Structures are given as structure tokens and as C-alpha cells.
Amino acid sequence: MTNSFDDIFEEIFPIESVKNYEEDNYASEADEISPDQVNLKSFDEKDTLCPSVFNLKTCDLKKVIRKRLIKIARDFISNIDEFPEIRIYDIILVGSLAQFNWSKYSDVDLHVVVDYSKLSKYGTKETLQSIFDRIKDNFNKNHEILIYGFPVEMYVQDVSVETNSNGIYSILYGRWQKIPKSRDGIKDRELIKTTAAKCINLINKYEELAHQTRSIPFAEMLIEETDKIYDQVVRARKFAIAKDGEQAAGNIIFKVLRRSGHIQKMKDIKTYLYDKINSLYTEFEK
């Protein structure tokens, strides 16, 4: 079991074969970034809630937004054919838009709350969550719904699960479940900057190697190593949120990588290498 944030990241940096290949066959042209170049300003708290989303006089969600989000949530649930008995327990807004640390990078984190115990004939809670995750991933991938520029991200959660968010607004009932509090800001800034910079530099290096290599074994190894980084970053995020909340280092590092495009870049590296390995017209060294 993971005991510390550092334990999660201890294995994500280059293995010896990657280093050797670079030294023997490839000179990197990418400029590495320093920790000081990792900008955390967008994570700082604002003085108010987002004025595009909330009425700052009443601190309630704007009526036109509330009405639209309820419609989106109901449409989403009504299209889930797997569970005809499914009913909405609540619809909540969480994440940075329900707090003071919103920014232009924020999503509308729309959580549809369902009582999984009413669906027990279809499987365990873990099985149901897996099915709902697949459904919401497909919805989020196929739709680009914007609320005044903020993309809607759908999620389904069980009513018994405690939401770890500094602010929780019930869209269905039009009231705060948990009023957000102003906090001291991000802790562990140097740890975040150092780790994020290392991840960014490593991902950039793997991208270059992916385009340079003509070796199938090395390409397969790069896929494995890219998977390792991705899995460790995601695990660190989950661990950090569960332990210390949304402002924890692991979550901020994940968001830095997502905002810089490096979460997507890891997916692109794996797709590119898979296609390169399996394309018969590509000349590869055996």
C-alpha cells in the first residue's frame, strides 16, 4: 500500500535502456524546462466565485445555467438503457467552479448522484461504477457542451460516496450542500514544480524518441514506459485527493500536465507507436 506521495513517483523516471539508447543513437533537440518555468498562478484563489456562473449577490447558481445543467443531466440518465429503473437522487456541481480557485481551465464538473443499492441486481457497487464510468467516458468523448466557455464533464456517483470537495452546490435543489471556504493556497509548491518539470521533460523526450526509433523492441518499451508515467500520475492524483483534497500536490501536478497538453501527449505517443509498430509499410529493424 502506498504510504507517501513520493512513493508513487519513485519509478517514473527513465530506465537505463532509454538513457543508453539516447546516448548512443540520438541527441535530443528539446530544451528542458526548469521547475521555475512551471506556472501555478492559475491555481491561486480568487476573491469571488466565478461571476459567469454564479450570481455574486446571492451566491446561487445562475438560473439559466441551473436549468440547462438539469436538462443535460436528465438527458444523460434517460439515455442509459442498461438500467431502466435508474433515478436521480441529486445533481451536484463540484470542483474549482464551485470554489474560489476557478480559472479559464475549469470544467463544469457535473455529478449525477444515484442510489446504487437500488440497482444491486445488476452487480456490485464496483461493477456498477465501472459501467457508469464507461458510459460517462463515452458521453464526454462524444460531446463538447460549453457553459459560457467552460466544458461540461459528466460523472456518475453513488449516494453513499462522500464527495471530497471544498464546495458542493446542489443544482437539483438550488442550494449549497457545502459552502466553499477560502484557503491558504497551494502547499508544496516546490515539490509540485520539480515533479511536474521532470514529468514534462521526460514526456517530451519520449515523444522525440518515439519519432526517431526504428526498433520494434524499443518502441514497445517506450509504450510501456509511457504507460508507467501515466499510471503513476493518475494514481498519485487519486491518492492525493483522498488524503488531502483537491489542492493536494498530486492533483495539481496532474492538472499542470493536463493544461500543458502532456496528458494528451502521452496518449498520442502510445497511439503513434502502436500504429508505427503494426504498419507493414514501415521498415523496422527486427
C-alpha atoms as a PDB file:
ATOM      1  CA  MET A   1       0.000   0.000   0.000  1.00  0.00           C
ATOM      2  CA  THR A   2       1.267   3.461  -0.856  1.00  0.00           C
ATOM      3  CA  ASN A   3       2.401   5.350   2.220  1.00  0.00           C
ATOM      4  CA  SER A   4       3.534   8.647   0.780  1.00  0.00           C
ATOM      5  CA  PHE A   5       3.275  10.869  -2.246  1.00  0.00           C
ATOM      6  CA  ASP A   6       6.946  10.313  -3.089  1.00  0.00           C
ATOM      7  CA  ASP A   7       6.457   6.518  -3.142  1.00  0.00           C
ATOM      8  CA  ILE A   8       4.082   6.852  -6.071  1.00  0.00           C
ATOM      9  CA  PHE A   9       6.595   8.741  -8.216  1.00  0.00           C
ATOM     10  CA  GLU A  10       9.750   6.806  -7.367  1.00  0.00           C
ATOM     11  CA  GLU A  11       9.696   4.659 -10.531  1.00  0.00           C
ATOM     12  CA  ILE A  12       8.515   7.016 -13.266  1.00  0.00           C
ATOM     13  CA  PHE A  13      11.857   8.363 -14.432  1.00  0.00           C
ATOM     14  CA  PRO A  14      13.946   6.923 -17.297  1.00  0.00           C
ATOM     15  CA  ILE A  15      15.099   3.331 -17.168  1.00  0.00           C
ATOM     16  CA  GLU A  16      18.711   2.613 -18.145  1.00  0.00           C
ATOM     17  CA  SER A  17      17.897   1.320 -21.615  1.00  0.00           C
ATOM     18  CA  VAL A  18      16.240   4.605 -22.540  1.00  0.00           C
ATOM     19  CA  LYS A  19      19.278   6.532 -21.354  1.00  0.00           C
ATOM     20  CA  ASN A  20      21.657   4.261 -23.230  1.00  0.00           C
ATOM     21  CA  TYR A  21      19.681   4.465 -26.444  1.00  0.00           C
ATOM     22  CA  GLU A  22      19.664   8.244 -26.282  1.00  0.00           C
ATOM     23  CA  GLU A  23      23.388   8.452 -25.597  1.00  0.00           C
ATOM     24  CA  ASP A  24      24.313   6.007 -28.378  1.00  0.00           C
ATOM     25  CA  ASN A  25      21.866   6.872 -31.123  1.00  0.00           C
ATOM     26  CA  TYR A  26      20.067  10.126 -30.542  1.00  0.00           C
ATOM     27  CA  ALA A  27      20.810  13.656 -29.470  1.00  0.00           C
ATOM     28  CA  SER A  28      17.761  15.413 -28.057  1.00  0.00           C
ATOM     29  CA  GLU A  29      16.929  18.805 -29.524  1.00  0.00           C
ATOM     30  CA  ALA A  30      14.238  19.675 -26.991  1.00  0.00           C
ATOM     31  CA  ASP A  31      15.014  22.305 -24.405  1.00  0.00           C
ATOM     32  CA  GLU A  32      14.304  21.077 -20.919  1.00  0.00           C
ATOM     33  CA  ILE A  33      12.229  23.295 -18.681  1.00  0.00           C
ATOM     34  CA  SER A  34      13.237  24.161 -15.144  1.00  0.00           C
ATOM     35  CA  PRO A  35      10.901  23.983 -12.124  1.00  0.00           C
ATOM     36  CA  ASP A  36      10.772  27.790 -12.118  1.00  0.00           C
ATOM     37  CA  GLN A  37       9.107  27.678 -15.531  1.00  0.00           C
ATOM     38  CA  VAL A  38       6.123  25.727 -14.157  1.00  0.00           C
ATOM     39  CA  ASN A  39       3.471  28.407 -13.658  1.00  0.00           C
ATOM     40  CA  LEU A  40       0.991  27.785 -10.831  1.00  0.00           C
ATOM     41  CA  LYS A  41      -0.701  31.187 -10.974  1.00  0.00           C
ATOM     42  CA  SER A  42      -3.933  29.809 -12.451  1.00  0.00           C
ATOM     43  CA  PHE A  43      -4.381  27.672  -9.321  1.00  0.00           C
ATOM     44  CA  ASP A  44      -4.425  30.663  -6.974  1.00  0.00           C
ATOM     45  CA  GLU A  45      -7.728  31.542  -5.333  1.00  0.00           C
ATOM     46  CA  LYS A  46      -9.837  34.470  -6.489  1.00  0.00           C
ATOM     47  CA  ASP A  47     -11.707  36.923  -4.282  1.00  0.00           C
ATOM     48  CA  THR A  48     -15.118  35.737  -5.522  1.00  0.00           C
ATOM     49  CA  LEU A  49     -16.851  32.790  -7.101  1.00  0.00           C
ATOM     50  CA  CYS A  50     -16.875  32.743 -10.904  1.00  0.00           C
ATOM     51  CA  PRO A  51     -19.118  35.653 -11.997  1.00  0.00           C
ATOM     52  CA  SER A  52     -20.013  33.894 -15.250  1.00  0.00           C
ATOM     53  CA  VAL A  53     -21.538  31.004 -13.316  1.00  0.00           C
ATOM     54  CA  PHE A  54     -22.806  32.436 -10.016  1.00  0.00           C
ATOM     55  CA  ASN A  55     -24.887  35.430  -9.038  1.00  0.00           C
ATOM     56  CA  LEU A  56     -22.387  37.173  -6.783  1.00  0.00           C
ATOM     57  CA  LYS A  57     -25.119  38.918  -4.778  1.00  0.00           C
ATOM     58  CA  THR A  58     -26.913  35.729  -3.768  1.00  0.00           C
ATOM     59  CA  CYS A  59     -24.034  33.258  -4.354  1.00  0.00           C
ATOM     60  CA  ASP A  60     -26.520  31.000  -6.147  1.00  0.00           C
ATOM     61  CA  LEU A  61     -26.003  29.352  -9.497  1.00  0.00           C
ATOM     62  CA  LYS A  62     -27.407  31.486 -12.282  1.00  0.00           C
ATOM     63  CA  LYS A  63     -30.928  30.333 -13.183  1.00  0.00           C
ATOM     64  CA  VAL A  64     -30.269  29.843 -16.878  1.00  0.00           C
ATOM     65  CA  ILE A  65     -27.224  27.679 -16.076  1.00  0.00           C
ATOM     66  CA  ARG A  66     -29.061  25.657 -13.437  1.00  0.00           C
ATOM     67  CA  LYS A  67     -31.934  24.943 -15.839  1.00  0.00           C
ATOM     68  CA  ARG A  68     -29.579  23.867 -18.617  1.00  0.00           C
ATOM     69  CA  LEU A  69     -27.460  21.600 -16.404  1.00  0.00           C
ATOM     70  CA  ILE A  70     -30.545  19.858 -15.027  1.00  0.00           C
ATOM     71  CA  LYS A  71     -31.665  19.189 -18.605  1.00  0.00           C
ATOM     72  CA  ILE A  72     -28.235  17.818 -19.567  1.00  0.00           C
ATOM     73  CA  ALA A  73     -28.162  15.527 -16.521  1.00  0.00           C
ATOM     74  CA  ARG A  74     -31.675  14.230 -17.139  1.00  0.00           C
ATOM     75  CA  ASP A  75     -30.967  13.646 -20.831  1.00  0.00           C
ATOM     76  CA  PHE A  76     -27.810  11.760 -19.877  1.00  0.00           C
ATOM     77  CA  ILE A  77     -29.628   9.486 -17.413  1.00  0.00           C
ATOM     78  CA  SER A  78     -32.613   8.892 -19.700  1.00  0.00           C
ATOM     79  CA  ASN A  79     -30.270   7.523 -22.364  1.00  0.00           C
ATOM     80  CA  ILE A  80     -28.787   4.850 -20.093  1.00  0.00           C
ATOM     81  CA  ASP A  81     -30.596   1.772 -21.406  1.00  0.00           C
ATOM     82  CA  GLU A  82     -28.739  -0.659 -19.141  1.00  0.00           C
ATOM     83  CA  PHE A  83     -30.696   0.403 -16.046  1.00  0.00           C
ATOM     84  CA  PRO A  84     -34.343   1.310 -16.827  1.00  0.00           C
ATOM     85  CA  GLU A  85     -35.130   1.827 -13.121  1.00  0.00           C
ATOM     86  CA  ILE A  86     -32.396   4.396 -12.574  1.00  0.00           C
ATOM     87  CA  ARG A  87     -33.464   7.541 -10.755  1.00  0.00           C
ATOM     88  CA  ILE A  88     -31.600  10.760  -9.997  1.00  0.00           C
ATOM     89  CA  TYR A  89     -31.007  11.355  -6.298  1.00  0.00           C
ATOM     90  CA  ASP A  90     -29.245  14.682  -6.804  1.00  0.00           C
ATOM     91  CA  ILE A  91     -27.247  16.676  -9.343  1.00  0.00           C
ATOM     92  CA  ILE A  92     -24.256  18.492  -7.906  1.00  0.00           C
ATOM     93  CA  LEU A  93     -21.546  20.888  -9.041  1.00  0.00           C
ATOM     94  CA  VAL A  94     -18.102  20.260  -7.558  1.00  0.00           C
ATOM     95  CA  GLY A  95     -14.529  21.144  -8.430  1.00  0.00           C
ATOM     96  CA  SER A  96     -12.939  24.532  -8.976  1.00  0.00           C
ATOM     97  CA  LEU A  97     -16.081  26.229 -10.333  1.00  0.00           C
ATOM     98  CA  ALA A  98     -17.758  25.538  -7.002  1.00  0.00           C
ATOM     99  CA  GLN A  99     -14.827  27.137  -5.202  1.00  0.00           C
ATOM    100  CA  PHE A 100     -12.599  30.207  -5.335  1.00  0.00           C
ATOM    101  CA  ASN A 101      -9.783  28.592  -7.352  1.00  0.00           C
ATOM    102  CA  TRP A 102     -11.660  28.642 -10.665  1.00  0.00           C
ATOM    103  CA  SER A 103      -9.810  29.678 -13.805  1.00  0.00           C
ATOM    104  CA  LYS A 104     -10.139  29.626 -17.576  1.00  0.00           C
ATOM    105  CA  TYR A 105      -9.083  25.970 -17.400  1.00  0.00           C
ATOM    106  CA  SER A 106     -12.008  24.945 -15.170  1.00  0.00           C
ATOM    107  CA  ASP A 107     -14.589  22.338 -16.146  1.00  0.00           C
ATOM    108  CA  VAL A 108     -18.237  22.167 -15.146  1.00  0.00           C
ATOM    109  CA  ASP A 109     -17.852  19.040 -13.008  1.00  0.00           C
ATOM    110  CA  LEU A 110     -21.425  17.757 -13.190  1.00  0.00           C
ATOM    111  CA  HIS A 111     -22.035  14.822 -10.857  1.00  0.00           C
ATOM    112  CA  VAL A 112     -25.276  12.877 -11.167  1.00  0.00           C
ATOM    113  CA  VAL A 113     -25.907  11.166  -7.834  1.00  0.00           C
ATOM    114  CA  VAL A 114     -27.620   7.759  -7.990  1.00  0.00           C
ATOM    115  CA  ASP A 115     -28.513   5.205  -5.319  1.00  0.00           C
ATOM    116  CA  TYR A 116     -26.515   2.143  -6.376  1.00  0.00           C
ATOM    117  CA  SER A 117     -28.284  -0.017  -3.774  1.00  0.00           C
ATOM    118  CA  LYS A 118     -31.446   0.255  -5.894  1.00  0.00           C
ATOM    119  CA  LEU A 119     -29.536  -1.305  -8.798  1.00  0.00           C
ATOM    120  CA  SER A 120     -27.907  -4.166  -6.876  1.00  0.00           C
ATOM    121  CA  LYS A 121     -29.471  -6.842  -9.110  1.00  0.00           C
ATOM    122  CA  TYR A 122     -27.126  -5.646 -11.865  1.00  0.00           C
ATOM    123  CA  GLY A 123     -23.950  -6.161  -9.859  1.00  0.00           C
ATOM    124  CA  THR A 124     -21.806  -4.879  -7.027  1.00  0.00           C
ATOM    125  CA  LYS A 125     -21.138  -1.203  -6.471  1.00  0.00           C
ATOM    126  CA  GLU A 126     -17.720  -1.677  -8.026  1.00  0.00           C
ATOM    127  CA  THR A 127     -19.265  -3.271 -11.118  1.00  0.00           C
ATOM    128  CA  LEU A 128     -21.865  -0.510 -11.386  1.00  0.00           C
ATOM    129  CA  GLN A 129     -19.204   2.187 -11.039  1.00  0.00           C
ATOM    130  CA  SER A 130     -17.180   0.564 -13.803  1.00  0.00           C
ATOM    131  CA  ILE A 131     -20.234   0.536 -16.095  1.00  0.00           C
ATOM    132  CA  PHE A 132     -21.112   4.150 -15.277  1.00  0.00           C
ATOM    133  CA  ASP A 133     -17.502   5.220 -15.852  1.00  0.00           C
ATOM    134  CA  ARG A 134     -17.590   3.674 -19.315  1.00  0.00           C
ATOM    135  CA  ILE A 135     -20.898   5.396 -20.104  1.00  0.00           C
ATOM    136  CA  LYS A 136     -19.753   8.821 -18.897  1.00  0.00           C
ATOM    137  CA  ASP A 137     -16.387   8.488 -20.675  1.00  0.00           C
ATOM    138  CA  ASN A 138     -18.232   7.792 -23.907  1.00  0.00           C
ATOM    139  CA  PHE A 139     -20.548  10.765 -23.313  1.00  0.00           C
ATOM    140  CA  ASN A 140     -17.688  13.137 -22.506  1.00  0.00           C
ATOM    141  CA  LYS A 141     -15.727  11.962 -25.544  1.00  0.00           C
ATOM    142  CA  ASN A 142     -18.633  12.396 -27.956  1.00  0.00           C
ATOM    143  CA  HIS A 143     -19.991  15.700 -26.680  1.00  0.00           C
ATOM    144  CA  GLU A 144     -18.499  19.170 -26.370  1.00  0.00           C
ATOM    145  CA  ILE A 145     -21.031  21.091 -24.287  1.00  0.00           C
ATOM    146  CA  LEU A 146     -19.849  24.505 -23.135  1.00  0.00           C
ATOM    147  CA  ILE A 147     -21.346  26.661 -20.405  1.00  0.00           C
ATOM    148  CA  TYR A 148     -20.033  30.144 -21.171  1.00  0.00           C
ATOM    149  CA  GLY A 149     -16.770  28.616 -22.328  1.00  0.00           C
ATOM    150  CA  PHE A 150     -16.434  26.001 -19.575  1.00  0.00           C
ATOM    151  CA  PRO A 151     -16.709  22.388 -20.842  1.00  0.00           C
ATOM    152  CA  VAL A 152     -19.202  20.087 -19.126  1.00  0.00           C
ATOM    153  CA  GLU A 153     -17.669  16.922 -17.662  1.00  0.00           C
ATOM    154  CA  MET A 154     -20.257  14.317 -16.676  1.00  0.00           C
ATOM    155  CA  TYR A 155     -19.772  11.881 -13.802  1.00  0.00           C
ATOM    156  CA  VAL A 156     -21.999   9.367 -12.003  1.00  0.00           C
ATOM    157  CA  GLN A 157     -21.521   8.713  -8.298  1.00  0.00           C
ATOM    158  CA  ASP A 158     -23.209   6.624  -5.631  1.00  0.00           C
ATOM    159  CA  VAL A 159     -25.217   8.452  -2.970  1.00  0.00           C
ATOM    160  CA  SER A 160     -23.177   6.701  -0.269  1.00  0.00           C
ATOM    161  CA  VAL A 161     -19.879   8.154  -1.535  1.00  0.00           C
ATOM    162  CA  GLU A 162     -18.628  11.246   0.264  1.00  0.00           C
ATOM    163  CA  THR A 163     -17.602  13.989  -2.167  1.00  0.00           C
ATOM    164  CA  ASN A 164     -14.188  15.388  -1.289  1.00  0.00           C
ATOM    165  CA  SER A 165     -14.645  18.960  -2.479  1.00  0.00           C
ATOM    166  CA  ASN A 166     -14.240  22.304  -0.747  1.00  0.00           C
ATOM    167  CA  GLY A 167     -17.530  23.414  -2.300  1.00  0.00           C
ATOM    168  CA  ILE A 168     -20.615  21.399  -3.288  1.00  0.00           C
ATOM    169  CA  TYR A 169     -23.658  23.004  -4.889  1.00  0.00           C
ATOM    170  CA  SER A 170     -26.884  21.046  -5.376  1.00  0.00           C
ATOM    171  CA  ILE A 171     -28.071  22.006  -8.843  1.00  0.00           C
ATOM    172  CA  LEU A 172     -31.235  19.940  -8.475  1.00  0.00           C
ATOM    173  CA  TYR A 173     -32.318  21.669  -5.260  1.00  0.00           C
ATOM    174  CA  GLY A 174     -30.707  25.055  -5.874  1.00  0.00           C
ATOM    175  CA  ARG A 175     -28.686  25.337  -2.678  1.00  0.00           C
ATOM    176  CA  TRP A 176     -25.233  24.822  -1.247  1.00  0.00           C
ATOM    177  CA  GLN A 177     -24.563  21.455   0.347  1.00  0.00           C
ATOM    178  CA  LYS A 178     -21.134  22.671   1.369  1.00  0.00           C
ATOM    179  CA  ILE A 179     -20.236  26.346   1.237  1.00  0.00           C
ATOM    180  CA  PRO A 180     -16.686  26.842  -0.081  1.00  0.00           C
ATOM    181  CA  LYS A 181     -14.141  28.374   2.242  1.00  0.00           C
ATOM    182  CA  SER A 182     -11.167  30.495   1.299  1.00  0.00           C
ATOM    183  CA  ARG A 183      -7.937  28.608   1.919  1.00  0.00           C
ATOM    184  CA  ASP A 184      -4.282  29.443   2.297  1.00  0.00           C
ATOM    185  CA  GLY A 185      -3.487  28.337  -1.229  1.00  0.00           C
ATOM    186  CA  ILE A 186      -1.335  25.600  -2.689  1.00  0.00           C
ATOM    187  CA  LYS A 187       1.117  23.877  -0.395  1.00  0.00           C
ATOM    188  CA  ASP A 188       4.263  22.067  -1.529  1.00  0.00           C
ATOM    189  CA  ARG A 189       4.808  24.436  -4.442  1.00  0.00           C
ATOM    190  CA  GLU A 190       8.440  23.415  -4.919  1.00  0.00           C
ATOM    191  CA  LEU A 191       7.540  19.717  -4.913  1.00  0.00           C
ATOM    192  CA  ILE A 192       4.826  20.361  -7.489  1.00  0.00           C
ATOM    193  CA  LYS A 193       7.090  22.418  -9.749  1.00  0.00           C
ATOM    194  CA  THR A 194      10.007  19.986  -9.525  1.00  0.00           C
ATOM    195  CA  THR A 195       7.895  16.876 -10.191  1.00  0.00           C
ATOM    196  CA  ALA A 196       5.864  18.499 -12.975  1.00  0.00           C
ATOM    197  CA  ALA A 197       9.027  19.735 -14.714  1.00  0.00           C
ATOM    198  CA  LYS A 198      10.598  16.257 -14.555  1.00  0.00           C
ATOM    199  CA  CYS A 199       7.433  14.683 -15.993  1.00  0.00           C
ATOM    200  CA  ILE A 200       7.177  17.267 -18.783  1.00  0.00           C
ATOM    201  CA  ASN A 201      10.831  16.837 -19.757  1.00  0.00           C
ATOM    202  CA  LEU A 202      10.546  13.063 -19.731  1.00  0.00           C
ATOM    203  CA  ILE A 203       7.349  13.015 -21.802  1.00  0.00           C
ATOM    204  CA  ASN A 204       8.926  15.387 -24.332  1.00  0.00           C
ATOM    205  CA  LYS A 205      11.965  13.116 -24.521  1.00  0.00           C
ATOM    206  CA  TYR A 206       9.787  10.049 -25.097  1.00  0.00           C
ATOM    207  CA  GLU A 207       7.928  11.868 -27.851  1.00  0.00           C
ATOM    208  CA  GLU A 208      11.221  12.576 -29.635  1.00  0.00           C
ATOM    209  CA  LEU A 209      12.412   9.013 -29.182  1.00  0.00           C
ATOM    210  CA  ALA A 210       9.097   7.702 -30.491  1.00  0.00           C
ATOM    211  CA  HIS A 211       9.561   9.576 -33.754  1.00  0.00           C
ATOM    212  CA  GLN A 212      13.259   8.676 -34.023  1.00  0.00           C
ATOM    213  CA  THR A 213      13.295   4.944 -33.302  1.00  0.00           C
ATOM    214  CA  ARG A 214      13.117   2.261 -35.978  1.00  0.00           C
ATOM    215  CA  SER A 215      13.389  -0.594 -33.486  1.00  0.00           C
ATOM    216  CA  ILE A 216      10.251  -2.576 -32.634  1.00  0.00           C
ATOM    217  CA  PRO A 217      11.534  -3.744 -29.210  1.00  0.00           C
ATOM    218  CA  PHE A 218      12.493  -0.199 -28.274  1.00  0.00           C
ATOM    219  CA  ALA A 219       9.142   1.164 -29.478  1.00  0.00           C
ATOM    220  CA  GLU A 220       7.350  -1.450 -27.358  1.00  0.00           C
ATOM    221  CA  MET A 221       9.457  -0.470 -24.386  1.00  0.00           C
ATOM    222  CA  LEU A 222       8.609   3.201 -24.892  1.00  0.00           C
ATOM    223  CA  ILE A 223       4.911   2.325 -24.814  1.00  0.00           C
ATOM    224  CA  GLU A 224       5.442   0.528 -21.508  1.00  0.00           C
ATOM    225  CA  GLU A 225       7.406   3.414 -20.042  1.00  0.00           C
ATOM    226  CA  THR A 226       4.825   5.977 -21.175  1.00  0.00           C
ATOM    227  CA  ASP A 227       2.115   3.818 -19.609  1.00  0.00           C
ATOM    228  CA  LYS A 228       4.133   3.805 -16.406  1.00  0.00           C
ATOM    229  CA  ILE A 229       4.263   7.591 -16.222  1.00  0.00           C
ATOM    230  CA  TYR A 230       0.558   7.929 -16.980  1.00  0.00           C
ATOM    231  CA  ASP A 231      -0.474   5.323 -14.413  1.00  0.00           C
ATOM    232  CA  GLN A 232       1.736   6.819 -11.709  1.00  0.00           C
ATOM    233  CA  VAL A 233       0.449  10.342 -12.302  1.00  0.00           C
ATOM    234  CA  VAL A 234      -3.178   9.152 -12.175  1.00  0.00           C
ATOM    235  CA  ARG A 235      -2.557   7.076  -9.044  1.00  0.00           C
ATOM    236  CA  ALA A 236      -0.815   9.991  -7.372  1.00  0.00           C
ATOM    237  CA  ARG A 237      -3.790  12.195  -8.135  1.00  0.00           C
ATOM    238  CA  LYS A 238      -6.303   9.771  -6.615  1.00  0.00           C
ATOM    239  CA  PHE A 239      -4.111   9.200  -3.571  1.00  0.00           C
ATOM    240  CA  ALA A 240      -3.600  12.925  -3.022  1.00  0.00           C
ATOM    241  CA  ILE A 241      -7.269  13.883  -3.361  1.00  0.00           C
ATOM    242  CA  ALA A 242      -8.367  11.137  -0.968  1.00  0.00           C
ATOM    243  CA  LYS A 243      -5.745  12.131   1.571  1.00  0.00           C
ATOM    244  CA  ASP A 244      -5.537  15.932   1.340  1.00  0.00           C
ATOM    245  CA  GLY A 245      -8.280  17.171  -1.003  1.00  0.00           C
ATOM    246  CA  GLU A 246      -8.256  18.992  -4.324  1.00  0.00           C
ATOM    247  CA  GLN A 247      -5.363  21.330  -3.529  1.00  0.00           C
ATOM    248  CA  ALA A 248      -3.016  18.416  -2.811  1.00  0.00           C
ATOM    249  CA  ALA A 249       0.235  18.142  -4.752  1.00  0.00           C
ATOM    250  CA  GLY A 250      -0.703  15.030  -6.738  1.00  0.00           C
ATOM    251  CA  ASN A 251      -3.870  16.626  -8.081  1.00  0.00           C
ATOM    252  CA  ILE A 252      -2.122  19.892  -9.005  1.00  0.00           C
ATOM    253  CA  ILE A 253       0.654  18.006 -10.820  1.00  0.00           C
ATOM    254  CA  PHE A 254      -1.944  16.119 -12.865  1.00  0.00           C
ATOM    255  CA  LYS A 255      -3.680  19.389 -13.752  1.00  0.00           C
ATOM    256  CA  VAL A 256      -0.400  21.056 -14.716  1.00  0.00           C
ATOM    257  CA  LEU A 257       0.301  18.175 -17.110  1.00  0.00           C
ATOM    258  CA  ARG A 258      -3.228  18.282 -18.484  1.00  0.00           C
ATOM    259  CA  ARG A 259      -3.151  22.041 -19.040  1.00  0.00           C
ATOM    260  CA  SER A 260       0.251  21.849 -20.733  1.00  0.00           C
ATOM    261  CA  GLY A 261      -1.040  19.137 -23.064  1.00  0.00           C
ATOM    262  CA  HIS A 262       1.207  16.407 -21.681  1.00  0.00           C
ATOM    263  CA  ILE A 263      -1.582  14.079 -20.527  1.00  0.00           C
ATOM    264  CA  GLN A 264      -2.829  14.039 -24.119  1.00  0.00           C
ATOM    265  CA  LYS A 265       0.732  13.823 -25.399  1.00  0.00           C
ATOM    266  CA  MET A 266       1.243  10.539 -23.518  1.00  0.00           C
ATOM    267  CA  LYS A 267      -1.858   9.098 -25.186  1.00  0.00           C
ATOM    268  CA  ASP A 268      -0.628  10.330 -28.569  1.00  0.00           C
ATOM    269  CA  ILE A 269       2.804   8.747 -28.055  1.00  0.00           C
ATOM    270  CA  LYS A 270       1.244   5.346 -27.388  1.00  0.00           C
ATOM    271  CA  THR A 271      -1.119   5.617 -30.365  1.00  0.00           C
ATOM    272  CA  TYR A 272       1.683   6.735 -32.692  1.00  0.00           C
ATOM    273  CA  LEU A 273       3.999   3.899 -31.641  1.00  0.00           C
ATOM    274  CA  TYR A 274       1.280   1.255 -31.843  1.00  0.00           C
ATOM    275  CA  ASP A 275       0.450   2.364 -35.381  1.00  0.00           C
ATOM    276  CA  LYS A 276       4.120   2.514 -36.300  1.00  0.00           C
ATOM    277  CA  ILE A 277       4.783  -0.995 -34.984  1.00  0.00           C
ATOM    278  CA  ASN A 278       1.819  -2.534 -36.776  1.00  0.00           C
ATOM    279  CA  SER A 279       2.107  -0.741 -40.126  1.00  0.00           C
ATOM    280  CA  LEU A 280       3.527  -3.167 -42.664  1.00  0.00           C
ATOM    281  CA  TYR A 281       4.750  -0.389 -44.928  1.00  0.00           C
ATOM    282  CA  THR A 282       7.051   0.888 -42.152  1.00  0.00           C
ATOM    283  CA  GLU A 283      10.559  -0.557 -42.299  1.00  0.00           C
ATOM    284  CA  PHE A 284      11.518  -1.638 -38.810  1.00  0.00           C
ATOM    285  CA  GLU A 285      14.581  -3.319 -37.512  1.00  0.00           C
ATOM    286  CA  LYS A 286      13.798  -6.721 -36.067  1.00  0.00           C
END
